[in-house]
Amino acid sequence: MRFAVLLILWIGIFPVRAQRVAPDAASAAAARPFEPAKRLIPPSPLPENRTDGVIDTLSPASFGTCLTDPVLWITPGIGPVFGNNSLGDREKAQQLLLPSPGNGFVTHAIVYWGFKRVGADGDVRIKAWSVGPDGAPESFLTASDRIRISEIDTADGVDVLAFPAPAAFTGSVFLSLDLNSLNTGDTISGLGTEEGCGSGCLTWERWSDGSWNPVCDTYDFEDIDLLIEAVVDWSAWPAGLNDPEHGLTIGRPFPQPFLQSAGSRLWLPVKTNSAMTLSVRVLDAMGRERAGQEFECPAPGEQNLVLPVQELPAGNYFLQVISGQARITVPILL
């Protein structure tokens, strides 16, 4: 039902959704509810102890590719896409992925705001969630302190919110804007990317019935990201499966579930105690080989293998790594 309603409204606002607003006119635009607008945002401020490869910032992939002019997405008569609205949406979440397989601790969230309107001065917070097997937010991990709408500086455009209890995750994590404590008359909205600059299937909404729904299945426009980042402390090697007798260890395949989109890759971290050739096979639920490739490990050490799965249909598979007498098998979800 939501798809049909928003599709009709979207057709109506398409000609004006990209209207530009000068930075000094942003507050005036915010006072006109439901008028779509754009404004540029400043570079991301990062904690002073940020060090590449140890403490780093995870951003949507669009930050490094097509993001040039963030958009304030609003549907007339309903409200912001990345914020609260008359449909009673509870949370808006963005999935963020580590740049290589590993485990991380999320310590801060960086949120880019679009506009606000203060009514009864409710509050919002950022929550972290694990990623479920269907790609949706699954288990609550941690939350930032609450921040009142009146304390959010939309003129500056950015807030860095710390998590009092950093939360561990593997591979990827969701950060969500929690809207449950807003009051009557309050409006808050973050910024998003242009249509076509993002995934959409990594962006999820929690509706008033408590269900999580991906933006790519909800709106007529699909490929957007929400402008929210995660500051993480991460290590490149995850817990793995060992065959110590034959000197082979494999980590968890990453990401899980696999992202069925152009340019996506499935990585497998491996450690070897000597030079060896690895034969990697992808088996279906019946044990039939559906894809395979050999990899040369010319010296002892660690490396990340890119697995040949892009052409396989979505489903449950097994990943088997073989070298001589060593054989390790793990389940994967594509």
Protein backbone atom coordinates (compact mmCIF):
# COMPACT_ATOMS: atom_id res chain seq x y z
CA MET A 1 0.00 0.00 0.00
CA ARG A 2 2.79 2.41 0.91
CA PHE A 3 4.44 1.88 -2.45
CA ALA A 4 1.31 2.83 -4.36
CA VAL A 5 0.64 5.95 -2.31
CA LEU A 6 4.21 7.25 -2.51
CA LEU A 7 4.46 6.46 -6.20
CA ILE A 8 1.54 8.78 -6.91
CA LEU A 9 2.99 11.55 -4.75
CA TRP A 10 6.43 11.08 -6.25
CA ILE A 11 5.13 11.66 -9.76
CA GLY A 12 3.70 14.92 -8.52
CA ILE A 13 6.93 16.24 -7.00
CA PHE A 14 9.45 14.93 -9.52
CA PRO A 15 9.87 18.22 -11.42
CA VAL A 16 10.84 20.16 -8.27
CA ARG A 17 12.67 17.63 -6.14
CA ALA A 18 16.08 18.91 -7.23
CA GLN A 19 15.44 22.58 -6.51
CA ARG A 20 18.60 24.24 -5.18
CA VAL A 21 18.59 26.38 -2.06
CA ALA A 22 21.51 28.62 -1.19
CA PRO A 23 23.12 27.84 2.21
CA ASP A 24 21.88 31.09 3.74
CA ALA A 25 18.35 30.25 2.66
CA ALA A 26 18.32 26.76 4.18
CA SER A 27 16.41 27.87 7.29
CA ALA A 28 13.74 29.50 5.14
CA ALA A 29 13.34 26.32 3.15
CA ALA A 30 12.96 24.34 6.37
CA ALA A 31 10.05 26.57 7.38
CA ARG A 32 8.15 25.51 4.27
CA PRO A 33 7.19 21.92 5.08
CA PHE A 34 7.38 19.25 2.40
CA GLU A 35 9.20 21.36 -0.17
CA PRO A 36 12.10 19.32 -1.56
CA ALA A 37 15.44 21.10 -1.50
CA LYS A 38 19.18 20.60 -1.77
CA ARG A 39 22.10 22.13 0.03
CA LEU A 40 25.80 21.34 0.20
CA ILE A 41 27.30 19.91 3.39
CA PRO A 42 30.74 20.48 4.93
CA PRO A 43 33.41 17.77 5.12
CA SER A 44 32.95 15.18 7.84
CA PRO A 45 34.53 16.15 11.19
CA LEU A 46 36.29 13.15 12.71
CA PRO A 47 37.55 12.41 16.22
CA GLU A 48 41.14 13.54 16.72
CA ASN A 49 42.36 10.00 17.45
CA ARG A 50 41.32 8.73 14.01
CA THR A 51 44.07 6.63 12.39
CA ASP A 52 43.55 4.85 9.07
CA GLY A 53 43.44 1.07 9.50
CA VAL A 54 43.00 1.20 13.28
CA ILE A 55 40.23 3.68 13.98
CA ASP A 56 38.45 4.64 10.82
CA THR A 57 35.20 5.86 9.37
CA LEU A 58 32.82 3.64 7.45
CA SER A 59 30.76 5.52 4.89
CA PRO A 60 28.18 4.44 2.31
CA ALA A 61 29.96 3.51 -0.93
CA SER A 62 28.44 6.59 -2.56
CA PHE A 63 30.72 8.86 -0.47
CA GLY A 64 33.71 7.84 -2.55
CA THR A 65 32.02 7.71 -5.94
CA CYS A 66 29.00 9.82 -6.88
CA LEU A 67 28.15 11.94 -3.83
CA THR A 68 28.50 15.60 -4.80
CA ASP A 69 25.25 17.32 -3.83
CA PRO A 70 23.21 15.74 -0.99
CA VAL A 71 19.43 15.83 -1.18
CA LEU A 72 16.70 16.50 1.32
CA TRP A 73 14.06 13.88 0.43
CA ILE A 74 10.52 14.89 1.42
CA THR A 75 7.12 13.68 0.23
CA PRO A 76 4.42 16.40 0.28
CA GLY A 77 1.72 15.74 2.87
CA ILE A 78 3.73 12.93 4.50
CA GLY A 79 7.15 14.22 5.53
CA PRO A 80 10.88 13.41 5.30
CA VAL A 81 12.23 10.13 4.01
CA PHE A 82 15.25 10.31 6.37
CA GLY A 83 13.27 11.52 9.38
CA ASN A 84 9.86 11.45 11.05
CA ASN A 85 6.64 11.68 9.06
CA SER A 86 2.89 11.24 9.27
CA LEU A 87 3.19 7.51 8.54
CA GLY A 88 4.68 7.02 12.00
CA ASP A 89 8.03 5.59 10.89
CA ARG A 90 10.11 4.67 13.95
CA GLU A 91 13.67 4.39 12.61
CA LYS A 92 15.69 4.99 9.45
CA ALA A 93 18.81 2.78 9.09
CA GLN A 94 21.86 2.57 6.82
CA GLN A 95 24.07 -0.52 6.51
CA LEU A 96 27.83 0.16 6.55
CA LEU A 97 30.50 -2.36 5.55
CA LEU A 98 34.10 -2.85 6.61
CA PRO A 99 36.52 -2.38 3.67
CA SER A 100 37.83 -5.93 4.13
CA PRO A 101 36.83 -8.97 6.17
CA GLY A 102 37.13 -8.50 9.90
CA ASN A 103 35.60 -7.64 13.24
CA GLY A 104 34.98 -4.12 14.47
CA PHE A 105 33.76 -2.01 17.39
CA VAL A 106 31.54 0.92 16.47
CA THR A 107 32.39 3.92 18.67
CA HIS A 108 30.71 6.98 17.08
CA ALA A 109 28.05 7.93 14.55
CA ILE A 110 28.33 10.90 12.18
CA VAL A 111 24.96 12.25 11.02
CA TYR A 112 24.35 14.87 8.31
CA TRP A 113 21.21 16.89 9.06
CA GLY A 114 18.90 18.53 6.54
CA PHE A 115 16.47 20.60 8.62
CA LYS A 116 14.51 20.63 11.84
CA ARG A 117 11.35 22.22 13.24
CA VAL A 118 10.98 22.37 17.03
CA GLY A 119 7.55 21.77 18.54
CA ALA A 120 7.53 20.13 21.97
CA ASP A 121 11.32 19.58 21.73
CA GLY A 122 11.50 15.80 21.73
CA ASP A 123 14.74 13.90 21.23
CA VAL A 124 16.44 11.44 18.92
CA ARG A 125 19.40 9.07 19.21
CA ILE A 126 21.47 6.82 16.98
CA LYS A 127 21.29 3.05 17.47
CA ALA A 128 23.55 0.30 16.16
CA TRP A 129 22.15 -3.04 14.94
CA SER A 130 23.62 -6.30 13.74
CA VAL A 131 22.77 -7.48 10.22
CA GLY A 132 20.36 -10.41 9.95
CA PRO A 133 20.45 -13.23 7.37
CA ASP A 134 17.84 -11.41 5.26
CA GLY A 135 19.94 -8.24 5.22
CA ALA A 136 17.67 -6.37 7.68
CA PRO A 137 18.63 -4.94 11.07
CA GLU A 138 18.40 -7.82 13.56
CA SER A 139 19.83 -7.44 17.09
CA PHE A 140 20.17 -4.16 18.97
CA LEU A 141 23.83 -3.50 19.86
CA THR A 142 24.15 -0.05 21.45
CA ALA A 143 22.76 3.50 21.37
CA SER A 144 24.08 7.03 21.69
CA ASP A 145 22.85 9.44 24.33
CA ARG A 146 19.65 11.23 23.37
CA ILE A 147 19.90 14.67 21.78
CA ARG A 148 17.02 17.15 21.83
CA ILE A 149 15.80 18.65 18.57
CA SER A 150 16.63 22.15 19.85
CA GLU A 151 20.27 21.07 20.36
CA ILE A 152 20.77 19.91 16.77
CA ASP A 153 22.56 22.51 14.65
CA THR A 154 21.23 22.09 11.12
CA ALA A 155 23.13 25.20 10.00
CA ASP A 156 26.42 23.39 10.65
CA GLY A 157 24.88 20.24 9.20
CA VAL A 158 26.85 17.56 11.09
CA ASP A 159 26.80 15.93 14.53
CA VAL A 160 29.24 13.35 15.89
CA LEU A 161 27.48 11.21 18.51
CA ALA A 162 29.45 8.83 20.73
CA PHE A 163 28.27 5.40 21.83
CA PRO A 164 28.81 5.07 25.62
CA ALA A 165 29.26 1.33 25.13
CA PRO A 166 31.07 0.52 21.83
CA ALA A 167 29.54 -2.55 20.19
CA ALA A 168 31.27 -5.42 18.42
CA PHE A 169 30.21 -6.55 14.96
CA THR A 170 31.54 -8.67 12.11
CA GLY A 171 31.65 -7.48 8.52
CA SER A 172 28.92 -4.84 8.57
CA VAL A 173 26.66 -2.91 10.92
CA PHE A 174 23.47 -0.83 10.73
CA LEU A 175 23.21 2.66 12.19
CA SER A 176 19.67 3.95 12.64
CA LEU A 177 18.09 7.30 13.51
CA ASP A 178 15.67 6.48 16.36
CA LEU A 179 12.54 8.68 16.06
CA ASN A 180 10.44 7.08 18.81
CA SER A 181 10.78 9.94 21.30
CA LEU A 182 9.81 12.86 19.07
CA ASN A 183 6.84 14.95 20.24
CA THR A 184 3.95 16.64 18.49
CA GLY A 185 5.18 19.43 16.24
CA ASP A 186 8.77 18.18 16.08
CA THR A 187 10.35 17.49 12.70
CA ILE A 188 13.88 16.32 12.00
CA SER A 189 15.41 15.17 8.74
CA GLY A 190 18.82 13.95 7.64
CA LEU A 191 20.23 14.18 4.14
CA GLY A 192 20.44 11.50 1.46
CA THR A 193 22.14 10.97 -1.88
CA GLU A 194 20.73 11.72 -5.29
CA GLU A 195 18.65 8.99 -6.91
CA GLY A 196 21.00 6.51 -8.55
CA CYS A 197 23.85 7.40 -6.16
CA GLY A 198 23.53 4.65 -3.57
CA SER A 199 22.11 1.19 -3.02
CA GLY A 200 18.64 1.54 -1.50
CA CYS A 201 18.73 -2.10 -0.46
CA LEU A 202 21.22 -1.13 2.27
CA THR A 203 18.80 1.56 3.50
CA TRP A 204 15.92 0.37 5.70
CA GLU A 205 12.90 1.84 7.49
CA ARG A 206 11.19 0.59 10.62
CA TRP A 207 7.48 1.19 10.18
CA SER A 208 4.86 1.84 12.84
CA ASP A 209 4.02 -1.89 12.95
CA GLY A 210 7.63 -2.64 14.00
CA SER A 211 8.65 -4.28 10.72
CA TRP A 212 11.85 -3.41 8.84
CA ASN A 213 11.50 -2.63 5.13
CA PRO A 214 14.20 -1.78 2.54
CA VAL A 215 13.88 1.49 0.65
CA CYS A 216 14.45 -0.36 -2.63
CA ASP A 217 11.14 -2.21 -2.10
CA THR A 218 9.24 0.74 -0.65
CA TYR A 219 9.56 3.77 -2.90
CA ASP A 220 9.50 4.39 -6.63
CA PHE A 221 13.02 5.80 -6.33
CA GLU A 222 15.36 3.07 -5.16
CA ASP A 223 19.08 3.73 -5.35
CA ILE A 224 19.82 6.15 -2.50
CA ASP A 225 21.93 6.12 0.65
CA LEU A 226 21.34 7.96 3.91
CA LEU A 227 24.17 10.28 4.94
CA ILE A 228 25.29 8.61 8.14
CA GLU A 229 28.74 7.20 8.96
CA ALA A 230 30.22 4.91 11.61
CA VAL A 231 33.55 5.48 13.33
CA VAL A 232 34.98 2.05 14.15
CA ASP A 233 37.96 0.37 15.73
CA TRP A 234 38.53 -2.73 13.64
CA SER A 235 40.96 -5.56 13.07
CA ALA A 236 41.39 -7.11 9.67
CA TRP A 237 41.36 -10.75 10.77
CA PRO A 238 38.14 -12.44 11.96
CA ALA A 239 37.76 -15.60 13.99
CA GLY A 240 38.16 -18.55 11.62
CA LEU A 241 38.16 -22.29 11.09
CA ASN A 242 41.48 -24.13 11.41
CA ASP A 243 43.08 -27.21 9.93
CA PRO A 244 46.30 -26.96 12.01
CA GLU A 245 47.67 -30.29 10.79
CA HIS A 246 47.84 -28.95 7.25
CA GLY A 247 48.55 -25.29 8.02
CA LEU A 248 45.32 -23.71 6.73
CA THR A 249 42.90 -21.28 8.39
CA ILE A 250 39.94 -19.54 6.76
CA GLY A 251 37.96 -16.63 8.17
CA ARG A 252 34.30 -15.77 7.72
CA PRO A 253 33.27 -14.95 4.14
CA PHE A 254 32.39 -11.24 3.85
CA PRO A 255 29.84 -9.71 3.45
CA GLN A 256 27.07 -12.02 4.60
CA PRO A 257 24.53 -12.04 3.13
CA PHE A 258 26.20 -11.27 -0.20
CA LEU A 259 25.09 -8.03 -1.87
CA GLN A 260 23.57 -8.88 -5.24
CA SER A 261 24.53 -5.66 -7.03
CA ALA A 262 26.95 -4.50 -9.67
CA GLY A 263 30.53 -4.42 -8.47
CA SER A 264 29.87 -6.48 -5.34
CA ARG A 265 32.53 -8.95 -4.24
CA LEU A 266 32.55 -11.84 -1.81
CA TRP A 267 35.82 -12.03 0.11
CA LEU A 268 37.38 -14.96 1.94
CA PRO A 269 40.30 -14.32 4.32
CA VAL A 270 42.83 -17.16 4.44
CA LYS A 271 46.02 -17.87 6.42
CA THR A 272 48.58 -20.43 5.29
CA ASN A 273 51.66 -21.74 7.09
CA SER A 274 53.45 -22.51 3.83
CA ALA A 275 53.18 -21.96 0.09
CA MET A 276 50.21 -23.85 -1.31
CA THR A 277 47.53 -23.93 -3.99
CA LEU A 278 43.95 -23.50 -2.76
CA SER A 279 41.01 -24.90 -4.67
CA VAL A 280 37.82 -23.03 -3.75
CA ARG A 281 34.46 -24.54 -4.71
CA VAL A 282 30.91 -23.21 -4.28
CA LEU A 283 28.40 -26.03 -3.76
CA ASP A 284 24.61 -25.84 -3.84
CA ALA A 285 22.36 -27.43 -1.23
CA MET A 286 22.57 -30.76 -3.11
CA GLY A 287 26.38 -30.75 -3.02
CA ARG A 288 26.76 -29.93 -6.72
CA GLU A 289 29.63 -27.65 -7.70
CA ARG A 290 28.24 -24.36 -9.09
CA ALA A 291 31.46 -22.33 -9.28
CA GLY A 292 35.14 -22.80 -8.57
CA GLN A 293 38.58 -21.28 -8.84
CA GLU A 294 42.17 -22.03 -7.86
CA PHE A 295 44.32 -19.53 -5.96
CA GLU A 296 48.09 -19.56 -5.54
CA CYS A 297 49.48 -18.73 -2.11
CA PRO A 298 53.18 -18.36 -2.94
CA ALA A 299 54.34 -17.78 0.64
CA PRO A 300 53.09 -18.20 4.23
CA GLY A 301 50.81 -15.43 5.48
CA GLU A 302 47.39 -13.85 5.07
CA GLN A 303 45.43 -12.80 2.03
CA ASN A 304 41.86 -12.08 0.98
CA LEU A 305 40.48 -14.11 -1.92
CA VAL A 306 37.78 -12.72 -4.22
CA LEU A 307 35.28 -15.53 -4.80
CA PRO A 308 33.56 -16.22 -8.16
CA VAL A 309 29.90 -15.91 -7.11
CA GLN A 310 28.57 -12.91 -9.06
CA GLU A 311 26.73 -15.07 -11.61
CA LEU A 312 25.03 -17.38 -9.10
CA PRO A 313 21.35 -16.90 -8.15
CA ALA A 314 20.50 -15.91 -4.59
CA GLY A 315 20.23 -18.78 -2.14
CA ASN A 316 22.04 -20.97 0.39
CA TYR A 317 25.36 -22.51 -0.63
CA PHE A 318 28.46 -24.13 0.85
CA LEU A 319 31.97 -22.82 0.36
CA GLN A 320 34.68 -25.49 0.32
CA VAL A 321 38.41 -24.77 0.47
CA ILE A 322 40.79 -27.63 -0.40
CA SER A 323 44.57 -27.87 -0.35
CA GLY A 324 46.15 -31.32 -0.41
CA GLN A 325 44.66 -33.15 2.55
CA ALA A 326 43.17 -29.98 4.07
CA ARG A 327 39.46 -29.47 3.49
CA ILE A 328 37.27 -26.83 5.21
CA THR A 329 33.58 -26.22 4.39
CA VAL A 330 31.41 -23.31 5.56
CA PRO A 331 27.82 -22.22 4.68
CA ILE A 332 27.29 -18.95 2.80
CA LEU A 333 24.21 -16.93 1.81
CA LEU A 334 24.11 -15.28 -1.60
